[in-house]
Each structure stands twice: as C-alpha cells, then as structure tokens.
C-alpha atoms as a PDB file:
ATOM      1  CA  UNK A   1     -28.223  57.518  78.075  1.00  0.00           C
ATOM      2  CA  UNK A   2     -25.729  55.125  76.257  1.00  0.00           C
ATOM      3  CA  UNK A   3     -24.492  53.414  78.882  1.00  0.00           C
ATOM      4  CA  UNK A   4     -27.661  51.986  80.322  1.00  0.00           C
ATOM      5  CA  UNK A   5     -28.251  50.573  76.623  1.00  0.00           C
ATOM      6  CA  UNK A   6     -24.859  49.304  76.453  1.00  0.00           C
ATOM      7  CA  UNK A   7     -25.142  47.778  79.644  1.00  0.00           C
ATOM      8  CA  UNK A   8     -28.553  45.959  78.863  1.00  0.00           C
ATOM      9  CA  UNK A   9     -27.165  45.051  75.649  1.00  0.00           C
ATOM     10  CA  UNK A  10     -24.336  43.148  77.350  1.00  0.00           C
ATOM     11  CA  UNK A  11     -26.547  41.579  80.232  1.00  0.00           C
ATOM     12  CA  UNK A  12     -28.725  39.948  77.456  1.00  0.00           C
ATOM     13  CA  UNK A  13     -25.836  39.052  75.612  1.00  0.00           C
ATOM     14  CA  UNK A  14     -24.350  37.393  78.479  1.00  0.00           C
ATOM     15  CA  UNK A  15     -27.541  35.652  79.385  1.00  0.00           C
ATOM     16  CA  UNK A  16     -28.375  34.355  76.041  1.00  0.00           C
ATOM     17  CA  UNK A  17     -24.995  33.214  75.298  1.00  0.00           C
ATOM     18  CA  UNK A  18     -25.097  31.144  78.508  1.00  0.00           C
ATOM     19  CA  UNK A  19     -28.547  29.732  77.203  1.00  0.00           C
ATOM     20  CA  UNK A  20     -26.845  28.927  73.756  1.00  0.00           C
ATOM     21  CA  UNK A  21     -24.019  26.986  75.860  1.00  0.00           C
ATOM     22  CA  UNK A  22     -26.655  25.052  78.186  1.00  0.00           C
ATOM     23  CA  UNK A  23     -28.387  23.970  75.139  1.00  0.00           C
ATOM     24  CA  UNK A  24     -24.894  22.878  73.600  1.00  0.00           C
ATOM     25  CA  UNK A  25     -24.487  20.509  76.752  1.00  0.00           C
ATOM     26  CA  UNK A  26     -27.791  19.351  76.120  1.00  0.00           C
ATOM     27  CA  UNK A  27     -27.566  18.394  73.004  1.00  0.00           C
ATOM     28  CA  UNK A  28     -24.285  16.696  73.519  1.00  0.00           C
ATOM     29  CA  UNK A  29     -25.454  14.754  76.936  1.00  0.00           C
ATOM     30  CA  UNK A  30     -29.417  14.140  76.712  1.00  0.00           C
ATOM     31  CA  UNK A  31     -30.072  11.871  73.555  1.00  0.00           C
ATOM     32  CA  UNK A  32     -33.941  12.640  73.212  1.00  0.00           C
ATOM     33  CA  UNK A  33     -34.278  16.088  74.501  1.00  0.00           C
ATOM     34  CA  UNK A  34     -30.743  17.019  73.138  1.00  0.00           C
ATOM     35  CA  UNK A  35     -32.282  16.398  69.417  1.00  0.00           C
ATOM     36  CA  UNK A  36     -34.629  19.216  70.072  1.00  0.00           C
ATOM     37  CA  UNK A  37     -32.178  21.146  71.895  1.00  0.00           C
ATOM     38  CA  UNK A  38     -29.862  21.328  68.869  1.00  0.00           C
ATOM     39  CA  UNK A  39     -32.571  21.992  66.539  1.00  0.00           C
ATOM     40  CA  UNK A  40     -33.503  25.537  68.475  1.00  0.00           C
ATOM     41  CA  UNK A  41     -29.880  26.328  69.369  1.00  0.00           C
ATOM     42  CA  UNK A  42     -29.355  29.246  67.014  1.00  0.00           C
ATOM     43  CA  UNK A  43     -32.659  30.841  68.319  1.00  0.00           C
ATOM     44  CA  UNK A  44     -31.020  32.829  71.463  1.00  0.00           C
ATOM     45  CA  UNK A  45     -28.257  34.161  69.020  1.00  0.00           C
ATOM     46  CA  UNK A  46     -31.360  35.247  66.618  1.00  0.00           C
ATOM     47  CA  UNK A  47     -33.068  37.151  69.505  1.00  0.00           C
ATOM     48  CA  UNK A  48     -29.585  38.863  69.941  1.00  0.00           C
ATOM     49  CA  UNK A  49     -29.356  39.885  66.347  1.00  0.00           C
ATOM     50  CA  UNK A  50     -32.971  41.283  66.443  1.00  0.00           C
ATOM     51  CA  UNK A  51     -32.452  43.130  69.767  1.00  0.00           C
ATOM     52  CA  UNK A  52     -29.065  44.000  69.514  1.00  0.00           C
ATOM     53  CA  UNK A  53     -27.423  43.980  66.006  1.00  0.00           C
ATOM     54  CA  UNK A  54     -25.249  41.742  64.237  1.00  0.00           C
ATOM     55  CA  UNK A  55     -22.200  42.451  66.007  1.00  0.00           C
ATOM     56  CA  UNK A  56     -23.724  41.331  69.539  1.00  0.00           C
ATOM     57  CA  UNK A  57     -24.942  38.007  67.715  1.00  0.00           C
ATOM     58  CA  UNK A  58     -21.489  37.530  66.629  1.00  0.00           C
ATOM     59  CA  UNK A  59     -19.417  38.010  69.626  1.00  0.00           C
ATOM     60  CA  UNK A  60     -22.263  35.687  71.632  1.00  0.00           C
ATOM     61  CA  UNK A  61     -21.531  33.031  68.855  1.00  0.00           C
ATOM     62  CA  UNK A  62     -17.922  32.999  69.702  1.00  0.00           C
ATOM     63  CA  UNK A  63     -18.031  33.426  73.247  1.00  0.00           C
ATOM     64  CA  UNK A  64     -20.326  30.289  73.340  1.00  0.00           C
ATOM     65  CA  UNK A  65     -18.121  28.387  70.819  1.00  0.00           C
ATOM     66  CA  UNK A  66     -15.161  29.349  73.236  1.00  0.00           C
ATOM     67  CA  UNK A  67     -17.009  27.768  76.484  1.00  0.00           C
ATOM     68  CA  UNK A  68     -17.736  24.952  74.476  1.00  0.00           C
ATOM     69  CA  UNK A  69     -14.343  24.286  73.489  1.00  0.00           C
ATOM     70  CA  UNK A  70     -12.906  24.536  77.186  1.00  0.00           C
ATOM     71  CA  UNK A  71     -15.609  22.098  78.401  1.00  0.00           C
ATOM     72  CA  UNK A  72     -16.034  19.452  75.682  1.00  0.00           C
ATOM     73  CA  UNK A  73     -12.688  20.108  73.336  1.00  0.00           C
ATOM     74  CA  UNK A  74     -12.669  22.165  70.188  1.00  0.00           C
ATOM     75  CA  UNK A  75     -14.061  19.702  68.002  1.00  0.00           C
ATOM     76  CA  UNK A  76     -17.229  19.766  69.497  1.00  0.00           C
ATOM     77  CA  UNK A  77     -17.091  23.478  69.542  1.00  0.00           C
ATOM     78  CA  UNK A  78     -16.401  23.798  65.849  1.00  0.00           C
ATOM     79  CA  UNK A  79     -18.935  21.425  65.106  1.00  0.00           C
ATOM     80  CA  UNK A  80     -21.982  23.306  66.963  1.00  0.00           C
ATOM     81  CA  UNK A  81     -20.905  26.759  65.934  1.00  0.00           C
ATOM     82  CA  UNK A  82     -20.390  25.590  62.683  1.00  0.00           C
ATOM     83  CA  UNK A  83     -23.510  23.701  62.516  1.00  0.00           C
ATOM     84  CA  UNK A  84     -25.939  26.241  64.032  1.00  0.00           C
ATOM     85  CA  UNK A  85     -23.906  29.569  64.395  1.00  0.00           C
ATOM     86  CA  UNK A  86     -24.298  30.977  61.059  1.00  0.00           C
ATOM     87  CA  UNK A  87     -27.945  30.503  60.695  1.00  0.00           C
ATOM     88  CA  UNK A  88     -28.651  32.113  64.083  1.00  0.00           C
ATOM     89  CA  UNK A  89     -26.558  35.116  63.047  1.00  0.00           C
ATOM     90  CA  UNK A  90     -28.271  35.583  59.367  1.00  0.00           C
ATOM     91  CA  UNK A  91     -31.591  34.904  60.664  1.00  0.00           C
ATOM     92  CA  UNK A  92     -31.203  37.779  63.364  1.00  0.00           C
ATOM     93  CA  UNK A  93     -29.858  40.050  60.716  1.00  0.00           C
ATOM     94  CA  UNK A  94     -32.734  39.802  57.860  1.00  0.00           C
ATOM     95  CA  UNK A  95     -35.395  39.725  60.861  1.00  0.00           C
ATOM     96  CA  UNK A  96     -34.075  42.888  62.066  1.00  0.00           C
ATOM     97  CA  UNK A  97     -33.716  44.001  58.231  1.00  0.00           C
ATOM     98  CA  UNK A  98     -37.361  43.235  57.959  1.00  0.00           C
ATOM     99  CA  UNK A  99     -37.296  40.987  55.269  1.00  0.00           C
ATOM    100  CA  UNK A 100     -40.337  39.281  54.505  1.00  0.00           C
ATOM    101  CA  UNK A 101     -40.787  35.291  56.073  1.00  0.00           C
ATOM    102  CA  UNK A 102     -40.241  33.776  52.987  1.00  0.00           C
ATOM    103  CA  UNK A 103     -36.887  35.631  52.171  1.00  0.00           C
ATOM    104  CA  UNK A 104     -35.751  34.990  55.639  1.00  0.00           C
ATOM    105  CA  UNK A 105     -36.339  31.465  55.280  1.00  0.00           C
ATOM    106  CA  UNK A 106     -34.738  31.289  51.958  1.00  0.00           C
ATOM    107  CA  UNK A 107     -31.524  33.165  52.961  1.00  0.00           C
ATOM    108  CA  UNK A 108     -31.568  31.586  56.571  1.00  0.00           C
ATOM    109  CA  UNK A 109     -31.895  27.990  54.818  1.00  0.00           C
ATOM    110  CA  UNK A 110     -28.952  28.893  52.476  1.00  0.00           C
ATOM    111  CA  UNK A 111     -26.918  29.904  55.444  1.00  0.00           C
ATOM    112  CA  UNK A 112     -27.455  26.553  57.335  1.00  0.00           C
ATOM    113  CA  UNK A 113     -26.956  24.621  53.983  1.00  0.00           C
ATOM    114  CA  UNK A 114     -23.366  26.451  53.512  1.00  0.00           C
ATOM    115  CA  UNK A 115     -22.815  25.668  57.151  1.00  0.00           C
ATOM    116  CA  UNK A 116     -23.206  21.884  56.772  1.00  0.00           C
ATOM    117  CA  UNK A 117     -21.351  22.056  53.648  1.00  0.00           C
ATOM    118  CA  UNK A 118     -18.534  23.435  55.528  1.00  0.00           C
ATOM    119  CA  UNK A 119     -18.632  21.403  58.582  1.00  0.00           C
ATOM    120  CA  UNK A 120     -18.546  18.063  55.790  1.00  0.00           C
ATOM    121  CA  UNK A 121     -15.778  19.547  53.963  1.00  0.00           C
ATOM    122  CA  UNK A 122     -13.765  19.936  56.857  1.00  0.00           C
ATOM    123  CA  UNK A 123     -14.658  16.804  58.341  1.00  0.00           C
ATOM    124  CA  UNK A 124     -13.373  15.213  55.273  1.00  0.00           C
ATOM    125  CA  UNK A 125     -10.364  17.781  55.177  1.00  0.00           C
ATOM    126  CA  UNK A 126      -9.188  16.397  58.759  1.00  0.00           C
ATOM    127  CA  UNK A 127     -10.542  13.053  59.262  1.00  0.00           C
ATOM    128  CA  UNK A 128     -10.644  11.768  55.793  1.00  0.00           C
ATOM    129  CA  UNK A 129     -14.366  10.461  56.241  1.00  0.00           C
ATOM    130  CA  UNK A 130     -17.615  11.825  54.664  1.00  0.00           C
ATOM    131  CA  UNK A 131     -20.263  11.783  57.975  1.00  0.00           C
ATOM    132  CA  UNK A 132     -22.946  10.953  55.408  1.00  0.00           C
ATOM    133  CA  UNK A 133     -21.665   8.198  53.780  1.00  0.00           C
ATOM    134  CA  UNK A 134     -20.416   6.973  57.227  1.00  0.00           C
ATOM    135  CA  UNK A 135     -24.050   7.249  58.435  1.00  0.00           C
ATOM    136  CA  UNK A 136     -25.346   5.200  55.429  1.00  0.00           C
ATOM    137  CA  UNK A 137     -22.692   2.638  55.783  1.00  0.00           C
ATOM    138  CA  UNK A 138     -23.814   2.255  59.506  1.00  0.00           C
ATOM    139  CA  UNK A 139     -27.203   1.897  58.631  1.00  0.00           C
ATOM    140  CA  UNK A 140     -26.431  -0.795  56.152  1.00  0.00           C
ATOM    141  CA  UNK A 141     -24.374  -2.538  59.135  1.00  0.00           C
ATOM    142  CA  UNK A 142     -27.617  -2.461  61.292  1.00  0.00           C
ATOM    143  CA  UNK A 143     -29.997  -3.741  58.467  1.00  0.00           C
ATOM    144  CA  UNK A 144     -27.292  -6.580  57.973  1.00  0.00           C
ATOM    145  CA  UNK A 145     -27.431  -7.386  61.658  1.00  0.00           C
ATOM    146  CA  UNK A 146     -31.394  -7.318  61.327  1.00  0.00           C
ATOM    147  CA  UNK A 147     -31.630  -9.598  58.533  1.00  0.00           C
ATOM    148  CA  UNK A 148     -29.022 -12.160  59.641  1.00  0.00           C
ATOM    149  CA  UNK A 149     -31.028 -11.909  62.986  1.00  0.00           C
ATOM    150  CA  UNK A 150     -34.406 -13.056  61.178  1.00  0.00           C
ATOM    151  CA  UNK A 151     -32.279 -15.782  59.335  1.00  0.00           C
ATOM    152  CA  UNK A 152     -31.110 -17.409  62.391  1.00  0.00           C
ATOM    153  CA  UNK A 153     -35.086 -17.014  63.509  1.00  0.00           C
ATOM    154  CA  UNK A 154     -35.707 -19.480  60.678  1.00  0.00           C
ATOM    155  CA  UNK A 155     -37.492 -16.867  58.599  1.00  0.00           C
ATOM    156  CA  UNK A 156     -38.521 -17.669  54.962  1.00  0.00           C
ATOM    157  CA  UNK A 157     -35.537 -17.313  52.375  1.00  0.00           C
ATOM    158  CA  UNK A 158     -37.625 -15.580  49.665  1.00  0.00           C
ATOM    159  CA  UNK A 159     -39.057 -12.777  52.324  1.00  0.00           C
ATOM    160  CA  UNK A 160     -35.885 -12.085  53.728  1.00  0.00           C
ATOM    161  CA  UNK A 161     -34.384 -11.635  49.751  1.00  0.00           C
ATOM    162  CA  UNK A 162     -37.195  -9.662  49.284  1.00  0.00           C
ATOM    163  CA  UNK A 163     -36.318  -7.489  52.428  1.00  0.00           C
ATOM    164  CA  UNK A 164     -32.821  -7.255  51.529  1.00  0.00           C
ATOM    165  CA  UNK A 165     -33.294  -5.951  48.215  1.00  0.00           C
ATOM    166  CA  UNK A 166     -35.924  -3.232  48.719  1.00  0.00           C
ATOM    167  CA  UNK A 167     -33.412  -1.857  51.660  1.00  0.00           C
ATOM    168  CA  UNK A 168     -30.489  -2.183  49.116  1.00  0.00           C
ATOM    169  CA  UNK A 169     -32.664   0.260  46.917  1.00  0.00           C
ATOM    170  CA  UNK A 170     -33.476   2.543  49.753  1.00  0.00           C
ATOM    171  CA  UNK A 171     -29.805   2.962  50.712  1.00  0.00           C
ATOM    172  CA  UNK A 172     -28.795   3.298  47.400  1.00  0.00           C
ATOM    173  CA  UNK A 173     -31.188   5.782  46.793  1.00  0.00           C
ATOM    174  CA  UNK A 174     -30.089   7.417  50.107  1.00  0.00           C
ATOM    175  CA  UNK A 175     -26.447   7.603  48.318  1.00  0.00           C
ATOM    176  CA  UNK A 176     -27.832   9.626  45.650  1.00  0.00           C
ATOM    177  CA  UNK A 177     -30.180  12.089  47.311  1.00  0.00           C
ATOM    178  CA  UNK A 178     -27.812  13.468  49.837  1.00  0.00           C
ATOM    179  CA  UNK A 179     -28.089  16.678  48.322  1.00  0.00           C
ATOM    180  CA  UNK A 180     -31.711  16.687  48.492  1.00  0.00           C
ATOM    181  CA  UNK A 181     -31.787  15.771  51.853  1.00  0.00           C
ATOM    182  CA  UNK A 182     -29.060  18.524  52.759  1.00  0.00           C
ATOM    183  CA  UNK A 183     -31.409  21.125  51.109  1.00  0.00           C
ATOM    184  CA  UNK A 184     -34.533  19.981  52.717  1.00  0.00           C
ATOM    185  CA  UNK A 185     -33.183  19.538  56.092  1.00  0.00           C
ATOM    186  CA  UNK A 186     -31.666  23.295  55.735  1.00  0.00           C
ATOM    187  CA  UNK A 187     -35.016  24.505  54.895  1.00  0.00           C
ATOM    188  CA  UNK A 188     -36.556  22.633  58.093  1.00  0.00           C
ATOM    189  CA  UNK A 189     -34.254  24.138  60.010  1.00  0.00           C
ATOM    190  CA  UNK A 190     -34.992  27.654  58.887  1.00  0.00           C
ATOM    191  CA  UNK A 191     -38.669  27.268  59.369  1.00  0.00           C
ATOM    192  CA  UNK A 192     -38.425  25.707  62.607  1.00  0.00           C
ATOM    193  CA  UNK A 193     -35.969  28.327  64.401  1.00  0.00           C
ATOM    194  CA  UNK A 194     -38.003  31.039  62.646  1.00  0.00           C
ATOM    195  CA  UNK A 195     -41.349  29.495  64.220  1.00  0.00           C
ATOM    196  CA  UNK A 196     -39.374  29.195  67.685  1.00  0.00           C
ATOM    197  CA  UNK A 197     -38.214  32.769  67.243  1.00  0.00           C
ATOM    198  CA  UNK A 198     -41.650  34.083  66.709  1.00  0.00           C
ATOM    199  CA  UNK A 199     -42.961  32.602  69.779  1.00  0.00           C
ATOM    200  CA  UNK A 200     -40.270  33.714  72.149  1.00  0.00           C
ATOM    201  CA  UNK A 201     -40.375  37.321  70.360  1.00  0.00           C
ATOM    202  CA  UNK A 202     -43.891  37.643  71.248  1.00  0.00           C
ATOM    203  CA  UNK A 203     -43.356  36.840  74.626  1.00  0.00           C
ATOM    204  CA  UNK A 204     -40.910  39.589  74.823  1.00  0.00           C
ATOM    205  CA  UNK A 205     -43.685  42.001  73.562  1.00  0.00           C
ATOM    206  CA  UNK A 206     -42.408  41.990  69.622  1.00  0.00           C
ATOM    207  CA  UNK A 207     -44.530  40.755  67.051  1.00  0.00           C
ATOM    208  CA  UNK A 208     -42.682  39.112  63.884  1.00  0.00           C
ATOM    209  CA  UNK A 209     -44.639  38.676  60.711  1.00  0.00           C
ATOM    210  CA  UNK A 210     -45.870  35.256  60.604  1.00  0.00           C
ATOM    211  CA  UNK A 211     -46.218  32.873  57.330  1.00  0.00           C
ATOM    212  CA  UNK A 212     -49.326  32.905  55.195  1.00  0.00           C
ATOM    213  CA  UNK A 213     -51.967  30.428  56.909  1.00  0.00           C
ATOM    214  CA  UNK A 214     -51.078  26.923  55.855  1.00  0.00           C
ATOM    215  CA  UNK A 215     -54.307  26.326  54.252  1.00  0.00           C
ATOM    216  CA  UNK A 216     -53.485  28.987  51.697  1.00  0.00           C
ATOM    217  CA  UNK A 217     -50.129  27.870  50.736  1.00  0.00           C
ATOM    218  CA  UNK A 218     -49.639  27.647  47.101  1.00  0.00           C
ATOM    219  CA  UNK A 219     -46.204  27.088  45.544  1.00  0.00           C
ATOM    220  CA  UNK A 220     -44.883  28.716  42.407  1.00  0.00           C
ATOM    221  CA  UNK A 221     -45.777  27.297  39.030  1.00  0.00           C
ATOM    222  CA  UNK A 222     -41.941  26.710  38.087  1.00  0.00           C
ATOM    223  CA  UNK A 223     -41.654  23.829  40.795  1.00  0.00           C
ATOM    224  CA  UNK A 224     -43.630  21.655  38.538  1.00  0.00           C
ATOM    225  CA  UNK A 225     -41.221  22.904  35.759  1.00  0.00           C
ATOM    226  CA  UNK A 226     -38.319  21.667  37.801  1.00  0.00           C
ATOM    227  CA  UNK A 227     -39.828  18.490  38.872  1.00  0.00           C
ATOM    228  CA  UNK A 228     -40.600  17.418  35.037  1.00  0.00           C
ATOM    229  CA  UNK A 229     -36.905  18.500  34.439  1.00  0.00           C
ATOM    230  CA  UNK A 230     -35.858  15.774  36.900  1.00  0.00           C
ATOM    231  CA  UNK A 231     -37.851  13.460  35.260  1.00  0.00           C
ATOM    232  CA  UNK A 232     -36.475  13.950  31.853  1.00  0.00           C
ATOM    233  CA  UNK A 233     -32.766  14.042  33.148  1.00  0.00           C
ATOM    234  CA  UNK A 234     -33.742  10.261  34.748  1.00  0.00           C
ATOM    235  CA  UNK A 235     -34.735   9.119  31.238  1.00  0.00           C
ATOM    236  CA  UNK A 236     -31.958  10.606  29.193  1.00  0.00           C
ATOM    237  CA  UNK A 237     -29.346   8.895  31.512  1.00  0.00           C
ATOM    238  CA  UNK A 238     -29.505   5.982  28.952  1.00  0.00           C
ATOM    239  CA  UNK A 239     -28.964   7.949  26.040  1.00  0.00           C
ATOM    240  CA  UNK A 240     -25.770  10.101  27.814  1.00  0.00           C
ATOM    241  CA  UNK A 241     -24.808   7.606  30.295  1.00  0.00           C
ATOM    242  CA  UNK A 242     -21.922   9.604  32.105  1.00  0.00           C
ATOM    243  CA  UNK A 243     -23.632   9.246  35.363  1.00  0.00           C
ATOM    244  CA  UNK A 244     -24.600  12.786  35.686  1.00  0.00           C
ATOM    245  CA  UNK A 245     -28.170  13.348  34.612  1.00  0.00           C
ATOM    246  CA  UNK A 246     -29.456  10.722  37.081  1.00  0.00           C
ATOM    247  CA  UNK A 247     -28.476  11.878  40.172  1.00  0.00           C
ATOM    248  CA  UNK A 248     -29.392  15.340  39.516  1.00  0.00           C
ATOM    249  CA  UNK A 249     -32.526  14.284  37.942  1.00  0.00           C
ATOM    250  CA  UNK A 250     -33.125  11.973  41.282  1.00  0.00           C
ATOM    251  CA  UNK A 251     -32.249  14.853  43.496  1.00  0.00           C
ATOM    252  CA  UNK A 252     -34.920  17.450  41.551  1.00  0.00           C
ATOM    253  CA  UNK A 253     -38.018  15.118  41.514  1.00  0.00           C
ATOM    254  CA  UNK A 254     -37.496  14.111  45.320  1.00  0.00           C
ATOM    255  CA  UNK A 255     -36.906  17.875  46.832  1.00  0.00           C
ATOM    256  CA  UNK A 256     -40.285  18.906  44.398  1.00  0.00           C
ATOM    257  CA  UNK A 257     -41.945  15.566  45.476  1.00  0.00           C
ATOM    258  CA  UNK A 258     -41.581  17.229  48.988  1.00  0.00           C
ATOM    259  CA  UNK A 259     -42.856  20.396  47.807  1.00  0.00           C
ATOM    260  CA  UNK A 260     -45.682  18.665  46.130  1.00  0.00           C
ATOM    261  CA  UNK A 261     -46.732  16.896  49.284  1.00  0.00           C
ATOM    262  CA  UNK A 262     -46.578  20.056  51.401  1.00  0.00           C
ATOM    263  CA  UNK A 263     -48.968  21.579  48.725  1.00  0.00           C
ATOM    264  CA  UNK A 264     -51.061  18.365  48.837  1.00  0.00           C
ATOM    265  CA  UNK A 265     -51.723  19.087  53.093  1.00  0.00           C
ATOM    266  CA  UNK A 266     -52.392  22.471  52.502  1.00  0.00           C
ATOM    267  CA  UNK A 267     -54.827  21.804  49.685  1.00  0.00           C
ATOM    268  CA  UNK A 268     -56.479  19.133  52.371  1.00  0.00           C
ATOM    269  CA  UNK A 269     -56.204  21.513  55.177  1.00  0.00           C
ATOM    270  CA  UNK A 270     -58.238  24.073  52.969  1.00  0.00           C
ATOM    271  CA  UNK A 271     -61.092  21.339  52.043  1.00  0.00           C
ATOM    272  CA  UNK A 272     -61.387  20.084  55.622  1.00  0.00           C
ATOM    273  CA  UNK A 273     -61.566  23.602  57.012  1.00  0.00           C
ATOM    274  CA  UNK A 274     -64.435  24.379  54.218  1.00  0.00           C
ATOM    275  CA  UNK A 275     -66.505  21.463  55.226  1.00  0.00           C
ATOM    276  CA  UNK A 276     -65.718  21.652  59.329  1.00  0.00           C
ATOM    277  CA  UNK A 277     -64.326  18.339  59.439  1.00  0.00           C
ATOM    278  CA  UNK A 278     -63.811  17.458  63.019  1.00  0.00           C
ATOM    279  CA  UNK A 279     -60.458  17.860  64.581  1.00  0.00           C
ATOM    280  CA  UNK A 280     -60.212  14.265  65.414  1.00  0.00           C
ATOM    281  CA  UNK A 281     -61.077  12.880  61.856  1.00  0.00           C
ATOM    282  CA  UNK A 282     -58.272  15.731  60.976  1.00  0.00           C
ATOM    283  CA  UNK A 283     -55.910  13.851  62.675  1.00  0.00           C
ATOM    284  CA  UNK A 284     -56.764  10.460  61.454  1.00  0.00           C
ATOM    285  CA  UNK A 285     -57.014  11.304  57.705  1.00  0.00           C
ATOM    286  CA  UNK A 286     -53.199  13.169  57.854  1.00  0.00           C
ATOM    287  CA  UNK A 287     -52.183  10.131  59.988  1.00  0.00           C
ATOM    288  CA  UNK A 288     -53.622   7.695  57.077  1.00  0.00           C
ATOM    289  CA  UNK A 289     -51.982   9.760  54.677  1.00  0.00           C
ATOM    290  CA  UNK A 290     -48.689  10.087  56.142  1.00  0.00           C
ATOM    291  CA  UNK A 291     -48.675   6.548  56.691  1.00  0.00           C
ATOM    292  CA  UNK A 292     -49.754   4.797  53.691  1.00  0.00           C
ATOM    293  CA  UNK A 293     -47.756   4.861  50.593  1.00  0.00           C
ATOM    294  CA  UNK A 294     -50.848   4.712  48.198  1.00  0.00           C
ATOM    295  CA  UNK A 295     -52.431   7.877  49.830  1.00  0.00           C
ATOM    296  CA  UNK A 296     -49.177   9.478  49.943  1.00  0.00           C
ATOM    297  CA  UNK A 297     -48.896   9.557  46.030  1.00  0.00           C
ATOM    298  CA  UNK A 298     -52.153  10.632  45.895  1.00  0.00           C
ATOM    299  CA  UNK A 299     -51.801  13.156  47.325  1.00  0.00           C
ATOM    300  CA  UNK A 300     -48.510  14.094  45.760  1.00  0.00           C
ATOM    301  CA  UNK A 301     -50.429  14.039  42.718  1.00  0.00           C
ATOM    302  CA  UNK A 302     -53.173  16.569  43.918  1.00  0.00           C
ATOM    303  CA  UNK A 303     -50.785  18.904  45.231  1.00  0.00           C
ATOM    304  CA  UNK A 304     -48.752  19.349  41.878  1.00  0.00           C
ATOM    305  CA  UNK A 305     -52.183  19.455  39.912  1.00  0.00           C
ATOM    306  CA  UNK A 306     -53.234  22.346  42.725  1.00  0.00           C
ATOM    307  CA  UNK A 307     -50.390  24.388  41.839  1.00  0.00           C
ATOM    308  CA  UNK A 308     -51.401  24.266  38.180  1.00  0.00           C
ATOM    309  CA  UNK A 309     -55.202  24.591  38.308  1.00  0.00           C
ATOM    310  CA  UNK A 310     -55.511  26.021  41.581  1.00  0.00           C
ATOM    311  CA  UNK A 311     -58.481  23.650  43.129  1.00  0.00           C
ATOM    312  CA  UNK A 312     -59.248  25.885  45.666  1.00  0.00           C
ATOM    313  CA  UNK A 313     -60.806  28.763  43.338  1.00  0.00           C
ATOM    314  CA  UNK A 314     -62.712  26.228  41.069  1.00  0.00           C
END
C-alpha cells in the first residue's frame, strides 16, 4: 500500500519541479511574462508541501536549483532559489498545518523578507555592491538622461529645475525607505502566492480557507499608533540629530500609509456595494483615486479614521 503513495509523490514532485524550472527559465528570458512567472515561482513548491509534506517540497526546490545551475550557472540558480524557494517551502508547511490565512501570509511574508535580505547580503559579500542602491542609481542616471534630452529640446529652465528637484526628493525618499519597500514587497509576494495557490488547489479538488471579503477588511487599531510613532520620530530628529530617528519614522509612516490606503479602498468597496454602484462606475472611481494624489490622500485619512471609529457600523 505504501508503494503507490511513494510513486505518486515522486511523479508529482518531478512534474511540479519541472514546472518550477520552466517558470525559472521564463523569468530569465521572457521580459514581460517573466515578471509574472517569477512572482508565482513558489506555487508548485507550495502545492508539493501541501500534498506531500515538507521533505518533498525541500527536495523539489533543491532539484530545481541544481537544474537551473546546470542550464544558467550557479549565480542564477542561487538567485532564484533564495528569492522564492524559502517562501514556497514555508507557505506549503503553514497551509498543511492549517494555519489561518492571516498567519500564513504573515509567516510567509517573513520568509520572503529573510530570503531577500540573505540575497542582498550575499550580493554585498560576493560582488561588493548593494543591488537596491544600484537600482536607484540606475534610475537617477535614466532621469538625468531625460532631463538633458528636455534641455536639448529647449524646455523652460525653471520647469527643468523644478522637475529635477522633485525627482531628487523621490530618489532620496526611496533611498531611505528601502526597509519599508522590502517589507511591503514581501507581504505582497505572500498574498499573491497564497491567492494563486488557492485557485490551483481548488482545481485539484482541495479548498483552502479564503481571506475575509475585501469589503470587510479592517486593520488593527495599533496600526494608527505605529503611524503616529513614525510621525513623532521624524519630528524628534531635530532635537536628537543622530540620523536614526528620521529614517525609522519615515519607514513606519510609509508602511502604515499603505495599510491605511488598503483600509480606505475596503471602506470604499463597502459603500459602493451598499449603494449598488454600477461596476463600470466603480472602476472609474478606483482609477480616479489611484491616479490622483489628492484623492489618494483623502482615502488614506478615511482609512485611518475608519480603523478608529468603524464608519461601517455608524
């Protein structure tokens, strides 16, 4: 009785490992599709963990890494496995242990963050460069090229000076906000992979627990506290100029700013559903809010006050 089970595990493991390798090659060679392929790379590993356990998911990850190393070299294999292997293994383990979706996303997001930090650390150790700061430097160079092109076209010098100042502020903010960007990206990775895994497992006849409907999402009250702590730390920087408080404060503000934006969209979804707003008009409203900074700011404040006062129950 044990032999068929082992054979099935080996066959599924080989098949899903092959899918993982295909996704790896797609991520390397196909620019647009490759971005999506890299984001869902952990899904086959997650499915293996759910159906056949932790050991099988680890073995499949190692096999995928070895094959990619043979085809593309050890550097690419290490990058792929470190970037996405750990989150796949951890998410499969947490789902098999029947954790709640929130705990699965939290633990898997932490695994994704650890993977990113390890990869950055190895890049610094081996190559002596920080990939994040290099990316920002490349963006600065691209923007300098654009500014020079506009200058050659005879654009107003005052307009160019204003553009340059704005972009400098953005790049300076990006340099400080790297921790918040890493955390946000890791949580997004976990959410996306859980959502895709849930859809695939439903096709395979196994239903996973879903998240609370988006229109009922509410962030914990302590998110407002941490946002206010971030504001306070930035204000205290002038009294304790050590260069530490401001970066911490900015990262806290940025993280929970995104949380309040999500809360605001949830609140908006609740009221659009309550008053039966037409779907086309809903899409138009979301696009207007998304691309208009003033409306986005209003939505952020609405989300923050909804956490405190729960407008949906008024």
